[in-house]
Amino acid sequence: MELLAAIAVVATLAALITVGSSRLVDKARATKCAGNLRQLGTATLLYATDNSMCLPVTAHQQNDVRFIGIKKWTVSLQEYAGGKVVFRCPMDEIRRDYTYVLNDFLTPSSGLEYWRLSRLEKPSKTFLFAEAARTYANSDHYHFADYKGYVIPPAVFTQQVGVSRHQGAANYVFADGHMESLRWTHVQTLLKNPTEQFVEPLNSNQPN
């Protein structure tokens, strides 16, 4: 009996150690992901500084006469980070070129002018890049602009954004370049209140 009890104790300790180690690995990967997004935010602002304070464009603009010769962001941002921009979260479960996806409200695709940083009222409030959901692949930008002026349903948001990849949270980089790790419970409160400008910017000079 004593032997069985000892074996049980050892098994329990081994399980606890395994869980603890897994959490440490996940935390390290989340930190790496956050670093990737910070780098992406910095590269984006450097790009904007060289391009009349305009944000980089998406694959959609490659056939737009206004942007002939301008490369999509997955290409153009590399030169602003010495070719070292990492586009994938180390915890991404899907084989794809990039995990990080651009908020389409901040692109010319939206039909708005929010891709010009000068049009943003509160760039520190609107996310620029976020982590793509497992089911969202093969697009370098989100599709939220169809909800212009309306609250984005949580189910629609989670179809596109990997809201809980990092133990119930996800990493976001904002239009001013700063990065935040936000829990899905908190993001839901932001989505409910359009004045937060989390996804859709507002501009005092341009009615929403």
Protein backbone atom coordinates (compact mmCIF):
# COMPACT_ATOMS: atom_id res chain seq x y z
CA MET A 1 0.00 0.00 0.00
CA GLU A 2 2.82 2.36 0.88
CA LEU A 3 4.41 1.67 -2.50
CA LEU A 4 1.15 2.46 -4.30
CA ALA A 5 0.77 5.66 -2.33
CA ALA A 6 4.32 6.70 -3.20
CA ILE A 7 3.69 5.96 -6.89
CA ALA A 8 0.50 8.04 -6.75
CA VAL A 9 2.38 10.96 -5.18
CA VAL A 10 5.13 10.78 -7.80
CA ALA A 11 2.54 10.64 -10.61
CA THR A 12 0.74 13.68 -9.18
CA LEU A 13 3.97 15.64 -8.88
CA ALA A 14 4.94 14.70 -12.43
CA ALA A 15 1.56 15.91 -13.70
CA LEU A 16 1.92 19.20 -11.82
CA ILE A 17 5.44 19.70 -13.19
CA THR A 18 4.21 18.98 -16.74
CA VAL A 19 1.36 21.47 -16.40
CA GLY A 20 3.68 24.08 -14.92
CA SER A 21 6.25 23.58 -17.68
CA SER A 22 3.55 23.83 -20.34
CA ARG A 23 2.33 27.11 -18.90
CA LEU A 24 5.86 28.50 -18.84
CA VAL A 25 6.34 27.53 -22.50
CA ASP A 26 3.02 29.12 -23.43
CA LYS A 27 3.95 32.28 -21.54
CA ALA A 28 7.29 32.46 -23.34
CA ARG A 29 5.55 32.05 -26.69
CA ALA A 30 3.03 34.75 -25.80
CA THR A 31 5.92 37.07 -24.93
CA LYS A 32 7.57 36.29 -28.26
CA CYS A 33 4.29 37.02 -30.04
CA ALA A 34 4.02 40.35 -28.23
CA GLY A 35 7.56 41.20 -29.35
CA ASN A 36 6.69 40.35 -32.95
CA LEU A 37 3.74 42.73 -32.84
CA ARG A 38 5.76 45.52 -31.24
CA GLN A 39 8.26 45.17 -34.08
CA LEU A 40 5.42 45.24 -36.60
CA GLY A 41 3.99 48.39 -35.00
CA THR A 42 7.37 50.13 -35.06
CA ALA A 43 7.95 49.17 -38.71
CA THR A 44 4.50 50.48 -39.62
CA LEU A 45 5.13 53.88 -38.04
CA LEU A 46 8.51 54.14 -39.75
CA TYR A 47 6.80 53.33 -43.04
CA ALA A 48 4.16 55.99 -42.39
CA THR A 49 6.84 58.58 -41.62
CA ASP A 50 8.32 57.98 -45.08
CA ASN A 51 4.93 57.95 -46.82
CA SER A 52 3.11 61.14 -45.86
CA MET A 53 1.82 59.53 -42.63
CA CYS A 54 -0.17 56.94 -44.58
CA LEU A 55 -0.43 53.35 -43.39
CA PRO A 56 0.70 50.48 -45.66
CA VAL A 57 -1.78 48.95 -48.09
CA THR A 58 -3.13 45.43 -48.48
CA ALA A 59 -3.21 42.98 -51.36
CA HIS A 60 -6.46 44.63 -52.56
CA GLN A 61 -4.66 47.80 -53.61
CA GLN A 62 -2.34 46.07 -56.06
CA ASN A 63 -4.94 46.52 -58.80
CA ASP A 64 -5.84 50.07 -57.77
CA VAL A 65 -4.42 52.76 -60.07
CA ARG A 66 -3.84 55.02 -57.08
CA PHE A 67 -1.32 52.57 -55.65
CA ILE A 68 0.57 51.35 -58.71
CA GLY A 69 4.07 50.35 -57.66
CA ILE A 70 3.24 50.31 -53.94
CA LYS A 71 3.81 46.94 -52.32
CA LYS A 72 1.40 45.32 -49.86
CA TRP A 73 2.29 45.58 -46.19
CA THR A 74 3.64 42.03 -45.88
CA VAL A 75 6.39 43.10 -48.28
CA SER A 76 6.81 46.83 -47.69
CA LEU A 77 7.32 46.61 -43.92
CA GLN A 78 10.28 44.27 -44.14
CA GLU A 79 12.68 47.00 -45.20
CA TYR A 80 11.73 49.01 -42.11
CA ALA A 81 12.90 46.22 -39.83
CA GLY A 82 15.99 45.06 -41.67
CA GLY A 83 14.09 42.17 -43.22
CA LYS A 84 13.41 40.69 -39.79
CA VAL A 85 9.67 41.21 -39.37
CA VAL A 86 8.08 38.00 -38.09
CA PHE A 87 4.50 37.62 -39.27
CA ARG A 88 3.54 34.49 -37.31
CA CYS A 89 2.73 33.85 -33.67
CA PRO A 90 4.78 30.90 -32.34
CA MET A 91 1.53 29.44 -30.98
CA ASP A 92 -0.33 29.59 -34.27
CA GLU A 93 -1.87 26.18 -34.94
CA ILE A 94 -2.22 26.75 -38.69
CA ARG A 95 0.45 26.52 -41.39
CA ARG A 96 0.17 29.93 -43.07
CA ASP A 97 2.37 32.83 -44.04
CA TYR A 98 1.13 35.21 -41.37
CA THR A 99 -0.84 35.18 -38.15
CA TYR A 100 -0.98 38.95 -37.84
CA VAL A 101 -3.71 40.64 -39.86
CA LEU A 102 -4.42 44.32 -40.57
CA ASN A 103 -7.60 46.06 -39.39
CA ASP A 104 -9.39 46.88 -42.66
CA PHE A 105 -10.87 50.10 -41.21
CA LEU A 106 -7.29 51.40 -41.47
CA THR A 107 -6.92 50.55 -45.16
CA PRO A 108 -8.16 52.15 -48.39
CA SER A 109 -10.33 49.05 -48.84
CA SER A 110 -12.78 50.42 -46.27
CA GLY A 111 -13.70 53.32 -48.56
CA LEU A 112 -12.78 55.65 -45.68
CA GLU A 113 -9.73 57.81 -45.11
CA TYR A 114 -8.62 56.22 -41.85
CA TRP A 115 -5.53 54.76 -43.52
CA ARG A 116 -4.18 58.30 -43.18
CA LEU A 117 -2.96 58.60 -39.60
CA SER A 118 -3.94 62.27 -39.51
CA ARG A 119 -7.58 61.18 -39.79
CA LEU A 120 -7.49 59.17 -36.59
CA GLU A 121 -8.88 60.93 -33.55
CA LYS A 122 -7.38 58.48 -31.03
CA PRO A 123 -4.78 56.21 -32.66
CA SER A 124 -3.91 54.72 -29.27
CA LYS A 125 -7.46 53.31 -29.03
CA THR A 126 -7.80 51.60 -32.44
CA PHE A 127 -6.04 48.31 -33.06
CA LEU A 128 -3.87 48.10 -36.16
CA PHE A 129 -2.86 44.42 -36.20
CA ALA A 130 -4.27 41.44 -34.29
CA GLU A 131 -3.87 37.68 -34.34
CA ALA A 132 -5.94 35.77 -36.88
CA ALA A 133 -8.32 33.08 -35.68
CA ARG A 134 -7.70 29.45 -36.52
CA THR A 135 -10.50 29.60 -39.12
CA TYR A 136 -9.27 32.85 -40.71
CA ALA A 137 -6.56 32.33 -43.29
CA ASN A 138 -5.32 33.55 -46.66
CA SER A 139 -6.17 37.20 -46.09
CA ASP A 140 -3.79 39.94 -45.01
CA HIS A 141 -6.63 42.06 -43.58
CA TYR A 142 -9.80 41.65 -41.56
CA HIS A 143 -13.31 42.26 -42.88
CA PHE A 144 -14.92 44.46 -40.25
CA ALA A 145 -15.58 47.62 -42.29
CA ASP A 146 -18.92 46.20 -43.44
CA TYR A 147 -20.08 46.97 -39.90
CA LYS A 148 -19.34 50.69 -40.23
CA GLY A 149 -21.44 52.48 -37.63
CA TYR A 150 -22.71 49.25 -36.08
CA VAL A 151 -21.58 47.07 -33.18
CA ILE A 152 -19.58 44.06 -34.37
CA PRO A 153 -21.18 40.88 -32.96
CA PRO A 154 -18.82 38.84 -30.78
CA ALA A 155 -19.40 35.76 -32.98
CA VAL A 156 -18.23 37.71 -36.04
CA PHE A 157 -15.16 38.98 -34.19
CA THR A 158 -14.12 35.53 -32.99
CA GLN A 159 -14.46 34.11 -36.51
CA GLN A 160 -11.65 36.43 -37.54
CA VAL A 161 -9.53 37.14 -34.46
CA GLY A 162 -7.80 34.53 -32.27
CA VAL A 163 -9.17 36.14 -29.13
CA SER A 164 -7.97 33.58 -26.59
CA ARG A 165 -4.81 32.05 -28.07
CA HIS A 166 -2.74 33.08 -25.07
CA GLN A 167 -4.56 31.61 -22.06
CA GLY A 168 -7.76 33.55 -22.66
CA ALA A 169 -6.10 36.61 -24.17
CA ALA A 170 -4.65 37.82 -27.47
CA ASN A 171 -2.06 40.39 -28.47
CA TYR A 172 -2.97 43.59 -30.32
CA VAL A 173 -0.80 46.41 -31.64
CA PHE A 174 -2.47 49.81 -31.94
CA ALA A 175 -2.23 52.61 -34.49
CA ASP A 176 0.17 54.56 -32.29
CA GLY A 177 2.53 51.55 -32.22
CA HIS A 178 1.95 50.32 -28.67
CA MET A 179 1.07 46.69 -27.93
CA GLU A 180 -1.44 45.29 -25.45
CA SER A 181 -2.42 41.80 -24.39
CA LEU A 182 -6.19 41.84 -23.90
CA ARG A 183 -8.46 39.18 -22.47
CA TRP A 184 -11.49 38.27 -24.54
CA THR A 185 -13.80 39.30 -21.70
CA HIS A 186 -12.36 42.82 -21.86
CA VAL A 187 -12.47 42.98 -25.66
CA GLN A 188 -16.18 42.17 -25.55
CA THR A 189 -16.78 45.26 -23.42
CA LEU A 190 -14.84 47.35 -25.94
CA LEU A 191 -16.89 45.99 -28.83
CA LYS A 192 -20.15 46.88 -27.10
CA ASN A 193 -19.13 50.54 -26.83
CA PRO A 194 -18.37 52.10 -30.26
CA THR A 195 -17.01 55.25 -28.60
CA GLU A 196 -14.06 53.13 -27.48
CA GLN A 197 -12.91 53.12 -31.14
CA PHE A 198 -11.31 49.71 -30.67
CA VAL A 199 -12.07 48.53 -34.22
CA GLU A 200 -13.68 51.47 -35.99
CA PRO A 201 -12.05 54.89 -35.55
CA LEU A 202 -14.05 58.05 -35.11
CA ASN A 203 -12.96 61.44 -36.33
CA SER A 204 -14.32 64.76 -35.15
CA ASN A 205 -13.81 66.19 -38.65
CA GLN A 206 -15.43 63.27 -40.45
CA PRO A 207 -18.86 62.15 -39.22
CA ASN A 208 -19.14 58.42 -38.64
